[in-house]
Amino acid sequence: MNQKHRRTLEAVFEDPVRSNISWRDIEAMLKAAGAEISEGAGSRVRVALNRVRAVFHRPHPKKETDKGAVKSVRRFLTEAGVTP
């Protein structure tokens, strides 16, 4: 992971939960962590990392991820063993 990916990972784990993290940055960080990302139906994105799987929805029409999605990404990363 490069410095930008680490900053995104730290932002995901910040308290209080942030709602201004770009989904594109989260996807790039997941790929850098070794996640396999595939497209689902509509705005769904399937992610697999360290034998943990999850499905997320790409935010639209905004580019920023809401707090609920950030919490879900945080839970997924914790279960996959990825923390800052």
N, C-alpha and C. Protein backbone atom coordinates (compact mmCIF):
# COMPACT_ATOMS: atom_id res chain seq x y z
N MET A 1 0.85 -1.19 0.00
CA MET A 1 0.00 0.00 0.00
C MET A 1 0.88 1.24 0.00
N ASN A 2 0.50 2.20 -0.81
CA ASN A 2 1.24 3.45 -0.80
C ASN A 2 0.65 4.40 0.26
N GLN A 3 1.22 5.58 0.36
CA GLN A 3 0.81 6.52 1.40
C GLN A 3 -0.65 6.94 1.28
N LYS A 4 -1.12 7.15 0.06
CA LYS A 4 -2.52 7.55 -0.13
C LYS A 4 -3.47 6.44 0.33
N HIS A 5 -3.14 5.20 0.02
CA HIS A 5 -3.98 4.07 0.46
C HIS A 5 -4.00 3.98 1.99
N ARG A 6 -2.85 4.21 2.62
CA ARG A 6 -2.80 4.18 4.09
C ARG A 6 -3.65 5.29 4.70
N ARG A 7 -3.61 6.48 4.08
CA ARG A 7 -4.44 7.60 4.58
C ARG A 7 -5.92 7.27 4.44
N THR A 8 -6.31 6.63 3.35
CA THR A 8 -7.71 6.23 3.18
C THR A 8 -8.09 5.19 4.22
N LEU A 9 -7.22 4.22 4.48
CA LEU A 9 -7.48 3.21 5.49
C LEU A 9 -7.65 3.87 6.87
N GLU A 10 -6.80 4.83 7.19
CA GLU A 10 -6.92 5.54 8.47
C GLU A 10 -8.22 6.33 8.53
N ALA A 11 -8.62 6.93 7.40
CA ALA A 11 -9.88 7.69 7.37
C ALA A 11 -11.08 6.79 7.62
N VAL A 12 -11.04 5.57 7.09
CA VAL A 12 -12.14 4.62 7.29
C VAL A 12 -12.27 4.27 8.77
N PHE A 13 -11.16 4.20 9.48
CA PHE A 13 -11.19 3.80 10.89
C PHE A 13 -11.27 4.98 11.86
N GLU A 14 -11.36 6.22 11.35
CA GLU A 14 -11.45 7.39 12.23
C GLU A 14 -12.77 7.42 12.99
N ASP A 15 -12.72 7.98 14.20
CA ASP A 15 -13.93 8.26 14.97
C ASP A 15 -13.97 9.75 15.23
N PRO A 16 -15.07 10.43 15.06
CA PRO A 16 -16.34 9.92 14.55
C PRO A 16 -16.23 9.52 13.08
N VAL A 17 -17.16 8.70 12.64
CA VAL A 17 -17.16 8.17 11.28
C VAL A 17 -17.29 9.32 10.28
N ARG A 18 -16.43 9.29 9.27
CA ARG A 18 -16.46 10.34 8.24
C ARG A 18 -17.45 9.99 7.13
N SER A 19 -17.98 11.02 6.51
CA SER A 19 -18.92 10.80 5.40
C SER A 19 -18.43 11.47 4.12
N ASN A 20 -17.15 11.79 4.05
CA ASN A 20 -16.64 12.48 2.87
C ASN A 20 -15.50 11.72 2.21
N ILE A 21 -15.47 10.40 2.35
CA ILE A 21 -14.42 9.60 1.73
C ILE A 21 -14.92 9.17 0.35
N SER A 22 -14.12 9.44 -0.66
CA SER A 22 -14.49 9.07 -2.03
C SER A 22 -14.51 7.56 -2.19
N TRP A 23 -15.57 7.03 -2.83
CA TRP A 23 -15.66 5.59 -3.04
C TRP A 23 -14.50 5.10 -3.90
N ARG A 24 -14.07 5.91 -4.84
CA ARG A 24 -12.95 5.55 -5.71
C ARG A 24 -11.68 5.30 -4.88
N ASP A 25 -11.47 6.14 -3.85
CA ASP A 25 -10.31 5.97 -2.97
C ASP A 25 -10.43 4.68 -2.16
N ILE A 26 -11.65 4.36 -1.70
CA ILE A 26 -11.86 3.13 -0.94
C ILE A 26 -11.59 1.91 -1.82
N GLU A 27 -12.09 1.93 -3.05
CA GLU A 27 -11.84 0.81 -3.97
C GLU A 27 -10.36 0.64 -4.24
N ALA A 28 -9.65 1.74 -4.46
CA ALA A 28 -8.21 1.68 -4.73
C ALA A 28 -7.46 1.11 -3.52
N MET A 29 -7.88 1.50 -2.31
CA MET A 29 -7.25 0.99 -1.10
C MET A 29 -7.51 -0.51 -0.95
N LEU A 30 -8.75 -0.95 -1.24
CA LEU A 30 -9.08 -2.37 -1.16
C LEU A 30 -8.23 -3.18 -2.14
N LYS A 31 -8.08 -2.68 -3.37
CA LYS A 31 -7.25 -3.38 -4.36
C LYS A 31 -5.81 -3.46 -3.90
N ALA A 32 -5.30 -2.36 -3.32
CA ALA A 32 -3.92 -2.34 -2.85
C ALA A 32 -3.72 -3.32 -1.69
N ALA A 33 -4.78 -3.57 -0.91
CA ALA A 33 -4.70 -4.52 0.20
C ALA A 33 -4.79 -5.96 -0.30
N GLY A 34 -5.06 -6.15 -1.60
CA GLY A 34 -5.12 -7.49 -2.17
C GLY A 34 -6.51 -8.01 -2.42
N ALA A 35 -7.52 -7.15 -2.32
CA ALA A 35 -8.90 -7.58 -2.51
C ALA A 35 -9.20 -7.85 -3.98
N GLU A 36 -10.08 -8.81 -4.20
CA GLU A 36 -10.60 -9.06 -5.55
C GLU A 36 -11.95 -8.35 -5.63
N ILE A 37 -12.09 -7.49 -6.62
CA ILE A 37 -13.31 -6.70 -6.77
C ILE A 37 -13.97 -7.08 -8.09
N SER A 38 -15.28 -7.36 -8.03
CA SER A 38 -16.02 -7.67 -9.25
C SER A 38 -17.34 -6.91 -9.23
N GLU A 39 -17.84 -6.66 -10.41
CA GLU A 39 -19.08 -5.91 -10.56
C GLU A 39 -20.28 -6.82 -10.34
N GLY A 40 -21.26 -6.31 -9.66
CA GLY A 40 -22.51 -7.02 -9.48
C GLY A 40 -23.58 -6.33 -10.30
N ALA A 41 -24.83 -6.62 -10.02
CA ALA A 41 -25.93 -5.99 -10.73
C ALA A 41 -26.11 -4.55 -10.23
N GLY A 42 -26.39 -3.66 -11.15
CA GLY A 42 -26.61 -2.27 -10.79
C GLY A 42 -25.36 -1.63 -10.21
N SER A 43 -25.48 -1.05 -9.02
CA SER A 43 -24.35 -0.38 -8.40
C SER A 43 -23.63 -1.27 -7.39
N ARG A 44 -23.93 -2.56 -7.40
CA ARG A 44 -23.31 -3.47 -6.44
C ARG A 44 -21.86 -3.79 -6.83
N VAL A 45 -21.03 -3.92 -5.80
CA VAL A 45 -19.63 -4.28 -5.98
C VAL A 45 -19.33 -5.43 -5.02
N ARG A 46 -18.85 -6.55 -5.57
CA ARG A 46 -18.49 -7.69 -4.72
C ARG A 46 -17.00 -7.60 -4.39
N VAL A 47 -16.69 -7.80 -3.12
CA VAL A 47 -15.30 -7.70 -2.67
C VAL A 47 -14.95 -8.95 -1.88
N ALA A 48 -13.78 -9.52 -2.18
CA ALA A 48 -13.28 -10.68 -1.44
C ALA A 48 -11.85 -10.39 -1.02
N LEU A 49 -11.59 -10.58 0.28
CA LEU A 49 -10.25 -10.33 0.82
C LEU A 49 -10.00 -11.30 1.97
N ASN A 50 -8.92 -12.05 1.89
CA ASN A 50 -8.56 -13.00 2.94
C ASN A 50 -9.73 -13.93 3.30
N ARG A 51 -10.38 -14.47 2.30
CA ARG A 51 -11.51 -15.40 2.44
C ARG A 51 -12.73 -14.78 3.12
N VAL A 52 -12.79 -13.47 3.16
CA VAL A 52 -13.97 -12.75 3.66
C VAL A 52 -14.61 -12.07 2.46
N ARG A 53 -15.93 -12.21 2.35
CA ARG A 53 -16.65 -11.63 1.20
C ARG A 53 -17.68 -10.63 1.68
N ALA A 54 -17.90 -9.61 0.83
CA ALA A 54 -18.93 -8.60 1.14
C ALA A 54 -19.43 -8.01 -0.16
N VAL A 55 -20.62 -7.44 -0.09
CA VAL A 55 -21.20 -6.73 -1.23
C VAL A 55 -21.50 -5.31 -0.76
N PHE A 56 -21.01 -4.34 -1.51
CA PHE A 56 -21.24 -2.93 -1.22
C PHE A 56 -21.98 -2.29 -2.38
N HIS A 57 -22.58 -1.16 -2.14
CA HIS A 57 -23.23 -0.38 -3.19
C HIS A 57 -22.41 0.87 -3.44
N ARG A 58 -22.07 1.08 -4.72
CA ARG A 58 -21.39 2.32 -5.08
C ARG A 58 -22.35 3.48 -4.84
N PRO A 59 -21.87 4.55 -4.21
CA PRO A 59 -22.75 5.69 -3.97
C PRO A 59 -23.08 6.40 -5.29
N HIS A 60 -24.30 6.86 -5.40
CA HIS A 60 -24.69 7.67 -6.56
C HIS A 60 -25.87 8.52 -6.15
N PRO A 61 -26.05 9.70 -6.61
CA PRO A 61 -25.24 10.37 -7.62
C PRO A 61 -23.96 10.99 -7.08
N LYS A 62 -23.79 11.02 -5.75
CA LYS A 62 -22.57 11.58 -5.18
C LYS A 62 -21.40 10.61 -5.32
N LYS A 63 -20.20 11.14 -5.16
CA LYS A 63 -19.00 10.30 -5.20
C LYS A 63 -18.57 9.86 -3.81
N GLU A 64 -19.04 10.58 -2.78
CA GLU A 64 -18.63 10.30 -1.41
C GLU A 64 -19.47 9.18 -0.80
N THR A 65 -18.82 8.42 0.06
CA THR A 65 -19.46 7.30 0.74
C THR A 65 -20.13 7.80 2.01
N ASP A 66 -21.34 7.34 2.30
CA ASP A 66 -22.02 7.79 3.52
C ASP A 66 -21.50 7.03 4.74
N LYS A 67 -21.90 7.48 5.92
CA LYS A 67 -21.38 6.92 7.17
C LYS A 67 -21.70 5.44 7.33
N GLY A 68 -22.89 5.03 6.93
CA GLY A 68 -23.27 3.62 7.04
C GLY A 68 -22.37 2.72 6.21
N ALA A 69 -22.05 3.16 5.00
CA ALA A 69 -21.18 2.37 4.13
C ALA A 69 -19.75 2.34 4.67
N VAL A 70 -19.30 3.45 5.25
CA VAL A 70 -17.96 3.48 5.83
C VAL A 70 -17.89 2.50 7.00
N LYS A 71 -18.95 2.43 7.81
CA LYS A 71 -18.98 1.47 8.92
C LYS A 71 -18.94 0.04 8.38
N SER A 72 -19.64 -0.22 7.29
CA SER A 72 -19.63 -1.56 6.69
C SER A 72 -18.25 -1.92 6.16
N VAL A 73 -17.59 -0.97 5.52
CA VAL A 73 -16.23 -1.21 5.02
C VAL A 73 -15.29 -1.46 6.19
N ARG A 74 -15.45 -0.70 7.26
CA ARG A 74 -14.62 -0.87 8.46
C ARG A 74 -14.80 -2.29 9.04
N ARG A 75 -16.05 -2.74 9.14
CA ARG A 75 -16.34 -4.07 9.67
C ARG A 75 -15.72 -5.14 8.76
N PHE A 76 -15.88 -4.97 7.45
CA PHE A 76 -15.31 -5.92 6.49
C PHE A 76 -13.80 -6.00 6.63
N LEU A 77 -13.14 -4.85 6.71
CA LEU A 77 -11.68 -4.84 6.82
C LEU A 77 -11.21 -5.49 8.13
N THR A 78 -11.93 -5.22 9.21
CA THR A 78 -11.58 -5.82 10.50
C THR A 78 -11.70 -7.34 10.43
N GLU A 79 -12.79 -7.84 9.84
CA GLU A 79 -12.97 -9.29 9.70
C GLU A 79 -11.91 -9.90 8.80
N ALA A 80 -11.42 -9.13 7.82
CA ALA A 80 -10.39 -9.62 6.90
C ALA A 80 -8.99 -9.46 7.48
N GLY A 81 -8.88 -8.85 8.66
CA GLY A 81 -7.57 -8.71 9.31
C GLY A 81 -6.77 -7.53 8.83
N VAL A 82 -7.42 -6.51 8.26
CA VAL A 82 -6.72 -5.32 7.78
C VAL A 82 -7.12 -4.13 8.66
N THR A 83 -6.15 -3.60 9.38
CA THR A 83 -6.39 -2.43 10.23
C THR A 83 -5.20 -1.47 10.06
N PRO A 84 -5.42 -0.19 10.38
CA PRO A 84 -4.31 0.77 10.21
C PRO A 84 -3.19 0.54 11.21
